[in-house]
Every structure is written in C-alpha cells, then in structure tokens.
Amino acid sequence: MAVNDSASAAKEWRSYWPLVLTAGMGMALASAMNTMLGVMIIPIEKEFGWTRAEISSGPLIVSVMAVLFATAAGYAIDRLGARRIGIAVVVLMSSAIALLSTTTAHLWHWWIVWTIFGTAATATATVWLAPLSSKFKNGLGLAITFALVGTGIGAALLPVSANYLIEHYGWRTGYAVVGAVFAIVTIPLTFIFWRVTEDRASSDDQSPDIDPAELPGMTVRQALRSRNFLLILLAQMIGSLANSALLVNLIPMLIDAKISAGDAAAMAGAQGVAATIGRFVGGWALDRASAKWLVAVSTLGSAALPLVLVVAPGSISLAFAVVVVNGLMNSVKYPGMVCLLSRHVGTKSFG
C-alpha cells in the first residue's frame, strides 16, 4: 500500500508540478504587501506624518474585506474555476503594489489602493490551494508545502530587498519595482503553466467530467452545521489575528525593542528562511502525523516571540532566536488548517 501511494504521489507531481509552481508565486504575491509594510512604515510615517495606526489601516481593510467577501470569492472559484479568478487576482495584486508608489498625503488614497489589493485577496489563498486539493491526493501535504514555500521565500527576500531600495532610491521606488517584478513573473505563469496543467489533466483523464455536485464532501450548509468545521474556523480566526498582528508590525516592534532597522530587516528575512525550511518539515510531517496536534503545538510556540520582546528588549540574540522559531512554527499552521479542511469537509465546496 505504501509503495502504491508513493508511486501515485510521484505521478501526481509529474503531471501537476506547474500548478504547484504557479501557486507558490501566487502565495508570495499575496503576502507581499504585509511582508513589505513593516519596512515601509517608518519612512511613510516620516513623509506624511501619519500615525502607525493610520498606516496599519491598510491591512485592516484587507482583513475586513476577507471577512465580508471571502465566502463569495470561494463560491466564484467553485463556479467559474480557479484559473480565471487566479488571473484576475495576480493582475489586481501586482497593480496595487505598484500603485502604492503613487500614494499622496491624502489617507483616502492609501485606503483605495489597499481596497484594490483586498478585492483580490478575498480569493487568496483558496484560489491557489483549491486546485491542489483536487489534483493531489497522496502528495497533498507536500504539494501544499511547496506552494506555501512561496510565502517563505517572499518573507525572506522582500524585507531585505525593500530595505535596500528604501536606503538607495526611496520607498516609492521599492513599491514600484516589487509590483513590476511580480507582474512580469506571475502573470505569464498563471496564463501559460496553468493552461498546460489543465490540458494535461484533460488528456490523462479518460473519464467524463465530474459534476461538482458529485464530488465527495460536504455542502456549505452541511459544513456550517459540522462541529469539526466550526472548530477549524474558530482556530483559524484566532491564529490569523495573532499572526497578522506580528507579521505587519514585526520590524517596528523590533525597532521599538531597541534593535536597529538593519538588524530588524535581517531578522525578518531570517524568519522567512526559517519558514521556508519549516514548510518542508511540516509538509513531510502533515503526511505522516496528526494535523490537529501539529497545528496546536505550532500555535503555542508562536507565543514566545511577543513574550521575549517584552521581557528582554534589546537582546539581539534572543530576539533573533524567537523570530526564527516563530517562522518555523508558522510554517506548519496554515497548511495544517488546509489539510484539516480537506480531510473533514472534502472537495465538494472546498473553495
């Protein structure tokens, strides 16, 4: 049985690796605004005189839109297909990042651009992970891991790159360059590689198309009455609240804890590297161990970061250690939630 499962997983990877690559870039793009904001907050404060709370209202808009419209976006993905929604997502997100370079002193301008990004973010990361849940069975944990590696790579490279661009060219150039790079790379991937994967799937599958109503799993109404689904929903909401607060404010928090801006950016990059390594370990573990216990333990481990910054401000070695641990812990939480949803809810209404 184990040999057959391994062979099946290898076949899935040979057929659908372009989908994983595209999903990885999509995940990196989805996390780019929040990942960069920590580096951008201080120069934006200086230029416009906005408070940190006013600047952080941008990510707040994205979160509120997710609460209000993520279910509708998931419905659209289930009905229209992930590729169509994915193309719209990458165009809107890369454009929004570049448009931040044109921000004026009017706060409403800042809010408009974040609203554009938030519109696309309502479909993320469902738009990237829903196709994986339908194509991968025996290798789902590892496929999700490789897709989420994009987030880790972005978290490793973007703070350091953005800090360099700020120091040499200014924060506006930083946003423009990053938006252009993502557009140049991610839009062609979504157009071409995703189409190739869909064509290959059609040629390999000799059976007739399956009606969505015939897919295994729960309907939305059944899921909303499911104790397991409601527990997963509650856990994800609480975990996301804490993780978003730490992600957006990490670099300003480190600077407030008497750590230099350069060291803070380097620590944020190290957290991204740790998250990338943790993705592989976590993906391997999720295919072999209980997802609920892995998620629970990793969530508790993330509590070390704010506690150490409060108890021992100014300690570079301790701050570096807990930032790295936080990156490792976070690398398990989200894919664990996706695995739990796939297991307890199924594919019928996964989006």
Protein backbone atom coordinates (compact mmCIF):
# COMPACT_ATOMS: atom_id res chain seq x y z
CA MET A 1 0.00 0.00 0.00
CA ALA A 2 2.81 2.42 0.90
CA VAL A 3 4.60 1.63 -2.38
CA ASN A 4 1.41 2.28 -4.36
CA ASP A 5 0.83 5.55 -2.52
CA SER A 6 4.40 6.70 -3.26
CA ALA A 7 4.04 5.81 -6.94
CA SER A 8 0.73 7.65 -7.11
CA ALA A 9 2.22 10.73 -5.43
CA ALA A 10 5.14 10.69 -7.90
CA LYS A 11 2.70 10.50 -10.83
CA GLU A 12 0.75 13.46 -9.42
CA TRP A 13 3.94 15.52 -9.21
CA ARG A 14 4.97 14.67 -12.77
CA SER A 15 1.59 15.83 -14.05
CA TYR A 16 0.88 18.86 -11.90
CA TRP A 17 4.18 20.42 -10.80
CA PRO A 18 3.49 23.56 -12.91
CA LEU A 19 0.38 24.12 -10.81
CA VAL A 20 2.46 23.98 -7.62
CA LEU A 21 4.99 26.45 -9.05
CA THR A 22 2.24 28.87 -10.05
CA ALA A 23 0.58 28.53 -6.65
CA GLY A 24 3.91 29.26 -4.94
CA MET A 25 4.34 32.52 -6.83
CA GLY A 26 0.71 33.40 -6.16
CA MET A 27 1.24 32.86 -2.43
CA ALA A 28 4.38 35.03 -2.48
CA LEU A 29 2.43 37.78 -4.22
CA ALA A 30 -0.45 37.50 -1.75
CA SER A 31 1.88 38.02 1.21
CA ALA A 32 3.99 40.77 -0.37
CA MET A 33 2.04 43.81 0.87
CA ASN A 34 2.10 42.73 4.52
CA THR A 35 5.68 41.47 4.32
CA MET A 36 6.94 44.79 2.94
CA LEU A 37 4.83 47.05 5.12
CA GLY A 38 6.99 46.54 8.20
CA VAL A 39 9.95 48.06 6.35
CA MET A 40 7.85 50.81 4.78
CA ILE A 41 6.07 52.05 7.94
CA ILE A 42 8.85 54.30 9.27
CA PRO A 43 9.67 56.18 6.00
CA ILE A 44 5.95 56.63 5.32
CA GLU A 45 5.48 57.98 8.87
CA LYS A 46 8.26 60.49 8.24
CA GLU A 47 6.96 61.66 4.85
CA PHE A 48 3.26 62.04 5.62
CA GLY A 49 3.18 62.37 9.41
CA TRP A 50 0.63 59.56 9.61
CA THR A 51 0.41 57.53 12.79
CA ARG A 52 1.32 53.86 12.79
CA ALA A 53 -2.35 53.04 13.37
CA GLU A 54 -3.34 55.03 10.27
CA ILE A 55 -0.75 53.21 8.16
CA SER A 56 -1.88 49.84 9.56
CA SER A 57 -5.43 50.66 8.50
CA GLY A 58 -4.42 49.38 5.05
CA PRO A 59 -4.08 45.74 6.15
CA LEU A 60 -7.20 46.24 8.29
CA ILE A 61 -9.17 46.97 5.11
CA VAL A 62 -7.92 43.71 3.59
CA SER A 63 -8.94 41.77 6.71
CA VAL A 64 -12.41 43.31 6.82
CA MET A 65 -12.94 42.57 3.12
CA ALA A 66 -11.88 38.97 3.71
CA VAL A 67 -14.47 38.62 6.47
CA LEU A 68 -17.20 40.12 4.29
CA PHE A 69 -16.43 38.68 0.87
CA ALA A 70 -14.12 35.63 1.14
CA THR A 71 -17.09 33.25 1.07
CA ALA A 72 -18.40 34.90 -2.10
CA ALA A 73 -14.91 34.62 -3.65
CA GLY A 74 -14.80 30.93 -2.75
CA TYR A 75 -18.22 30.47 -4.35
CA ALA A 76 -16.94 32.17 -7.52
CA ILE A 77 -13.90 29.90 -7.58
CA ASP A 78 -16.09 26.79 -7.28
CA ARG A 79 -18.35 28.01 -10.10
CA LEU A 80 -16.03 29.84 -12.55
CA GLY A 81 -12.81 27.90 -11.98
CA ALA A 82 -9.63 28.78 -10.16
CA ARG A 83 -7.65 29.77 -13.27
CA ARG A 84 -10.00 32.59 -14.31
CA ILE A 85 -10.11 34.00 -10.79
CA GLY A 86 -6.34 33.49 -10.42
CA ILE A 87 -5.57 35.62 -13.47
CA ALA A 88 -7.70 38.46 -12.09
CA VAL A 89 -6.01 38.08 -8.70
CA VAL A 90 -2.43 38.43 -9.99
CA VAL A 91 -3.29 41.42 -12.19
CA LEU A 92 -5.02 43.28 -9.35
CA MET A 93 -2.42 42.44 -6.71
CA SER A 94 0.68 43.34 -8.72
CA SER A 95 -1.01 46.55 -9.91
CA ALA A 96 -1.94 47.50 -6.34
CA ILE A 97 1.64 47.05 -5.11
CA ALA A 98 2.96 49.27 -7.90
CA LEU A 99 0.21 51.85 -7.32
CA LEU A 100 1.32 52.34 -3.70
CA SER A 101 4.32 54.18 -5.15
CA THR A 102 1.90 56.95 -6.21
CA THR A 103 0.43 57.46 -2.70
CA THR A 104 -0.28 61.09 -1.81
CA ALA A 105 -0.66 62.73 1.60
CA HIS A 106 -4.39 62.03 1.47
CA LEU A 107 -5.13 58.95 3.58
CA TRP A 108 -8.08 58.02 1.38
CA HIS A 109 -5.62 57.41 -1.47
CA TRP A 110 -3.83 54.85 0.72
CA TRP A 111 -7.18 53.22 1.50
CA ILE A 112 -8.23 52.99 -2.17
CA VAL A 113 -5.09 51.10 -3.19
CA TRP A 114 -5.39 48.70 -0.26
CA THR A 115 -9.02 48.14 -1.24
CA ILE A 116 -7.89 47.10 -4.73
CA PHE A 117 -5.46 44.64 -3.17
CA GLY A 118 -8.12 43.49 -0.70
CA THR A 119 -10.55 42.74 -3.51
CA ALA A 120 -8.07 40.25 -4.95
CA ALA A 121 -7.06 38.99 -1.50
CA THR A 122 -10.59 37.74 -0.80
CA ALA A 123 -9.81 34.86 -3.18
CA THR A 124 -6.40 34.12 -1.68
CA ALA A 125 -5.22 31.59 -0.82
CA THR A 126 -8.23 29.50 -1.81
CA VAL A 127 -7.63 30.25 -5.48
CA TRP A 128 -4.17 28.66 -5.29
CA LEU A 129 -4.84 25.79 -2.91
CA ALA A 130 -8.24 24.58 -4.15
CA PRO A 131 -6.73 23.20 -7.40
CA LEU A 132 -4.06 21.38 -5.40
CA SER A 133 -6.70 19.69 -3.23
CA SER A 134 -8.44 18.41 -6.37
CA LYS A 135 -5.32 17.22 -8.23
CA PHE A 136 -3.20 15.84 -5.37
CA LYS A 137 -4.35 13.01 -3.12
CA ASN A 138 -1.38 11.06 -1.78
CA GLY A 139 1.01 14.01 -2.05
CA LEU A 140 -1.31 16.78 -0.89
CA GLY A 141 0.67 17.74 2.21
CA LEU A 142 3.91 18.13 0.25
CA ALA A 143 2.16 19.97 -2.59
CA ILE A 144 0.69 22.49 -0.14
CA THR A 145 4.12 22.81 1.45
CA PHE A 146 5.83 23.66 -1.84
CA ALA A 147 3.10 26.16 -2.69
CA LEU A 148 3.47 27.87 0.67
CA VAL A 149 7.25 27.98 0.25
CA GLY A 150 6.49 30.98 -1.95
CA THR A 151 5.34 32.84 1.15
CA GLY A 152 8.54 31.92 2.98
CA ILE A 153 10.78 32.95 0.09
CA GLY A 154 8.93 36.25 -0.19
CA ALA A 155 9.26 36.81 3.56
CA ALA A 156 12.99 36.08 3.31
CA LEU A 157 13.77 38.31 0.33
CA LEU A 158 11.27 41.18 0.42
CA PRO A 159 12.21 42.87 3.74
CA VAL A 160 15.92 42.95 2.87
CA SER A 161 15.29 43.95 -0.76
CA ALA A 162 12.78 46.63 0.23
CA ASN A 163 15.17 48.00 2.87
CA TYR A 164 17.92 48.25 0.23
CA LEU A 165 15.61 50.04 -2.21
CA ILE A 166 14.48 52.46 0.53
CA GLU A 167 18.04 53.33 1.52
CA HIS A 168 19.19 53.92 -2.07
CA TYR A 169 16.10 55.01 -4.03
CA GLY A 170 13.23 55.63 -1.60
CA TRP A 171 10.13 53.72 -0.55
CA ARG A 172 8.14 54.71 -3.65
CA THR A 173 10.68 53.04 -5.95
CA GLY A 174 10.55 49.99 -3.68
CA TYR A 175 6.83 49.51 -4.23
CA ALA A 176 7.09 50.18 -7.98
CA VAL A 177 9.94 47.70 -8.50
CA VAL A 178 8.34 44.91 -6.48
CA GLY A 179 4.98 45.35 -8.22
CA ALA A 180 6.63 45.24 -11.66
CA VAL A 181 8.67 42.14 -10.84
CA PHE A 182 5.63 40.23 -9.62
CA ALA A 183 3.65 41.23 -12.71
CA ILE A 184 6.43 40.13 -15.07
CA VAL A 185 6.82 36.74 -13.40
CA THR A 186 3.41 35.76 -12.05
CA ILE A 187 1.05 36.82 -14.84
CA PRO A 188 2.75 34.65 -17.53
CA LEU A 189 2.93 31.71 -15.10
CA THR A 190 -0.80 31.88 -14.48
CA PHE A 191 -1.64 32.25 -18.17
CA ILE A 192 0.69 29.58 -19.56
CA PHE A 193 1.59 26.99 -16.91
CA TRP A 194 -1.90 26.69 -15.50
CA ARG A 195 -3.30 26.15 -19.02
CA VAL A 196 -0.67 23.45 -19.69
CA THR A 197 -1.64 21.68 -16.47
CA GLU A 198 -5.35 21.78 -17.32
CA ASP A 199 -4.68 20.45 -20.82
CA ARG A 200 -2.57 17.61 -19.42
CA ALA A 201 -5.26 16.74 -16.92
CA SER A 202 -7.84 16.57 -19.71
CA SER A 203 -5.68 14.26 -21.84
CA ASP A 204 -4.76 11.98 -18.92
CA ASP A 205 -8.30 11.66 -17.62
CA GLN A 206 -10.28 9.25 -19.79
CA SER A 207 -13.40 9.50 -17.64
CA PRO A 208 -16.14 12.09 -18.29
CA ASP A 209 -16.07 15.37 -16.40
CA ILE A 210 -17.37 15.08 -12.85
CA ASP A 211 -20.23 17.35 -11.90
CA PRO A 212 -19.31 19.46 -8.85
CA ALA A 213 -22.41 18.16 -7.08
CA GLU A 214 -20.99 14.62 -7.34
CA LEU A 215 -17.66 15.45 -5.69
CA PRO A 216 -17.09 13.92 -2.25
CA GLY A 217 -17.55 16.05 0.84
CA MET A 218 -19.98 18.43 2.45
CA THR A 219 -22.08 21.21 1.02
CA VAL A 220 -21.62 24.67 2.58
CA ARG A 221 -24.82 24.22 4.58
CA GLN A 222 -23.65 20.86 5.92
CA ALA A 223 -20.24 22.28 6.83
CA LEU A 224 -21.80 25.13 8.78
CA ARG A 225 -23.60 22.54 10.90
CA SER A 226 -20.43 20.49 11.37
CA ARG A 227 -18.70 20.74 14.75
CA ASN A 228 -15.31 19.96 13.18
CA PHE A 229 -15.65 22.72 10.58
CA LEU A 230 -16.72 25.29 13.19
CA LEU A 231 -13.75 24.38 15.41
CA ILE A 232 -11.34 24.71 12.46
CA LEU A 233 -12.92 28.07 11.59
CA LEU A 234 -12.57 29.38 15.15
CA ALA A 235 -8.98 28.20 15.46
CA GLN A 236 -8.02 29.78 12.13
CA MET A 237 -9.62 33.10 13.06
CA ILE A 238 -7.75 33.32 16.36
CA GLY A 239 -4.46 32.18 14.85
CA SER A 240 -4.74 34.59 11.92
CA LEU A 241 -5.48 37.52 14.22
CA ALA A 242 -2.30 36.96 16.21
CA ASN A 243 -0.14 36.09 13.21
CA SER A 244 -1.27 39.12 11.19
CA ALA A 245 -0.51 41.47 14.08
CA LEU A 246 3.02 40.05 14.42
CA LEU A 247 3.69 39.97 10.67
CA VAL A 248 2.66 43.55 9.88
CA ASN A 249 4.29 45.09 12.96
CA LEU A 250 7.35 42.84 13.38
CA ILE A 251 10.02 45.28 12.18
CA PRO A 252 8.57 48.33 14.03
CA MET A 253 8.22 46.13 17.16
CA LEU A 254 11.85 45.06 16.90
CA ILE A 255 12.96 48.69 16.43
CA ASP A 256 10.88 49.68 19.46
CA ALA A 257 12.69 46.90 21.35
CA LYS A 258 15.99 48.78 20.77
CA ILE A 259 17.13 46.84 17.69
CA SER A 260 18.45 48.71 14.64
CA ALA A 261 16.43 48.90 11.43
CA GLY A 262 19.07 46.93 9.52
CA ASP A 263 19.13 44.14 12.12
CA ALA A 264 15.33 44.12 12.24
CA ALA A 265 15.09 43.70 8.45
CA ALA A 266 17.69 40.92 8.58
CA MET A 267 15.70 39.16 11.31
CA ALA A 268 12.53 39.40 9.25
CA GLY A 269 14.44 37.85 6.35
CA ALA A 270 15.74 35.09 8.62
CA GLN A 271 12.17 34.39 9.68
CA GLY A 272 11.30 33.87 6.00
CA VAL A 273 14.20 31.44 5.57
CA ALA A 274 13.09 29.55 8.69
CA ALA A 275 9.54 29.43 7.39
CA THR A 276 10.77 28.01 4.08
CA ILE A 277 12.70 25.24 5.84
CA GLY A 278 9.76 24.63 8.15
CA ARG A 279 7.42 24.22 5.17
CA PHE A 280 9.28 21.11 4.03
CA VAL A 281 9.49 19.64 7.51
CA GLY A 282 5.85 20.49 8.12
CA GLY A 283 4.69 19.04 4.79
CA TRP A 284 6.55 15.82 5.50
CA ALA A 285 5.01 15.69 8.98
CA LEU A 286 1.48 16.50 7.80
CA ASP A 287 1.50 13.45 5.51
CA ARG A 288 2.51 11.26 8.48
CA ALA A 289 1.18 12.75 11.73
CA SER A 290 -1.97 14.27 13.19
CA ALA A 291 -2.56 17.70 11.65
CA LYS A 292 -4.57 18.94 14.62
CA TRP A 293 -1.72 18.32 17.09
CA LEU A 294 0.88 19.84 14.78
CA VAL A 295 -1.27 22.98 14.42
CA ALA A 296 -1.90 23.20 18.17
CA VAL A 297 1.78 22.86 19.15
CA SER A 298 2.99 25.31 16.49
CA THR A 299 0.40 27.90 17.57
CA LEU A 300 1.58 27.72 21.18
CA GLY A 301 5.21 28.03 20.03
CA SER A 302 4.50 31.36 18.34
CA ALA A 303 3.67 32.91 21.73
CA ALA A 304 7.41 33.03 22.53
CA LEU A 305 8.04 36.00 20.18
CA PRO A 306 5.99 38.73 21.88
CA LEU A 307 6.87 37.42 25.35
CA VAL A 308 10.64 37.66 24.77
CA LEU A 309 10.39 41.15 23.25
CA VAL A 310 8.54 42.31 26.37
CA VAL A 311 10.78 40.53 28.91
CA ALA A 312 14.19 41.07 27.26
CA PRO A 313 14.14 44.17 24.99
CA GLY A 314 17.40 44.95 23.23
CA SER A 315 18.75 41.38 23.26
CA ILE A 316 19.66 40.75 19.63
CA SER A 317 20.47 37.06 20.13
CA LEU A 318 17.22 36.28 21.95
CA ALA A 319 15.15 38.33 19.50
CA PHE A 320 16.79 36.56 16.55
CA ALA A 321 16.10 33.16 18.11
CA VAL A 322 12.40 33.76 18.79
CA VAL A 323 11.85 35.35 15.36
CA VAL A 324 13.32 32.22 13.74
CA VAL A 325 11.21 29.96 15.98
CA ASN A 326 8.13 31.97 15.03
CA GLY A 327 8.92 31.42 11.35
CA LEU A 328 9.28 27.68 11.91
CA MET A 329 6.04 27.46 13.88
CA ASN A 330 4.01 29.48 11.37
CA SER A 331 5.14 27.22 8.54
CA VAL A 332 3.01 24.40 9.92
CA LYS A 333 -0.16 26.22 10.99
CA TYR A 334 -1.67 27.24 7.67
CA PRO A 335 -1.00 24.04 5.65
CA GLY A 336 -2.25 22.13 8.67
CA MET A 337 -5.55 24.01 8.51
CA VAL A 338 -5.83 23.26 4.78
CA CYS A 339 -5.21 19.56 5.40
CA LEU A 340 -7.83 19.53 8.16
CA LEU A 341 -10.38 21.18 5.84
CA SER A 342 -9.61 18.75 3.03
CA ARG A 343 -9.99 15.82 5.43
CA HIS A 344 -13.13 16.91 7.31
CA VAL A 345 -15.00 18.92 4.65
CA GLY A 346 -13.88 17.37 1.36
CA THR A 347 -13.68 18.84 -2.15
CA LYS A 348 -17.35 19.47 -2.95
CA SER A 349 -17.31 23.02 -1.55
CA PHE A 350 -13.63 23.39 -0.74
CA GLY A 351 -13.38 26.89 -2.23
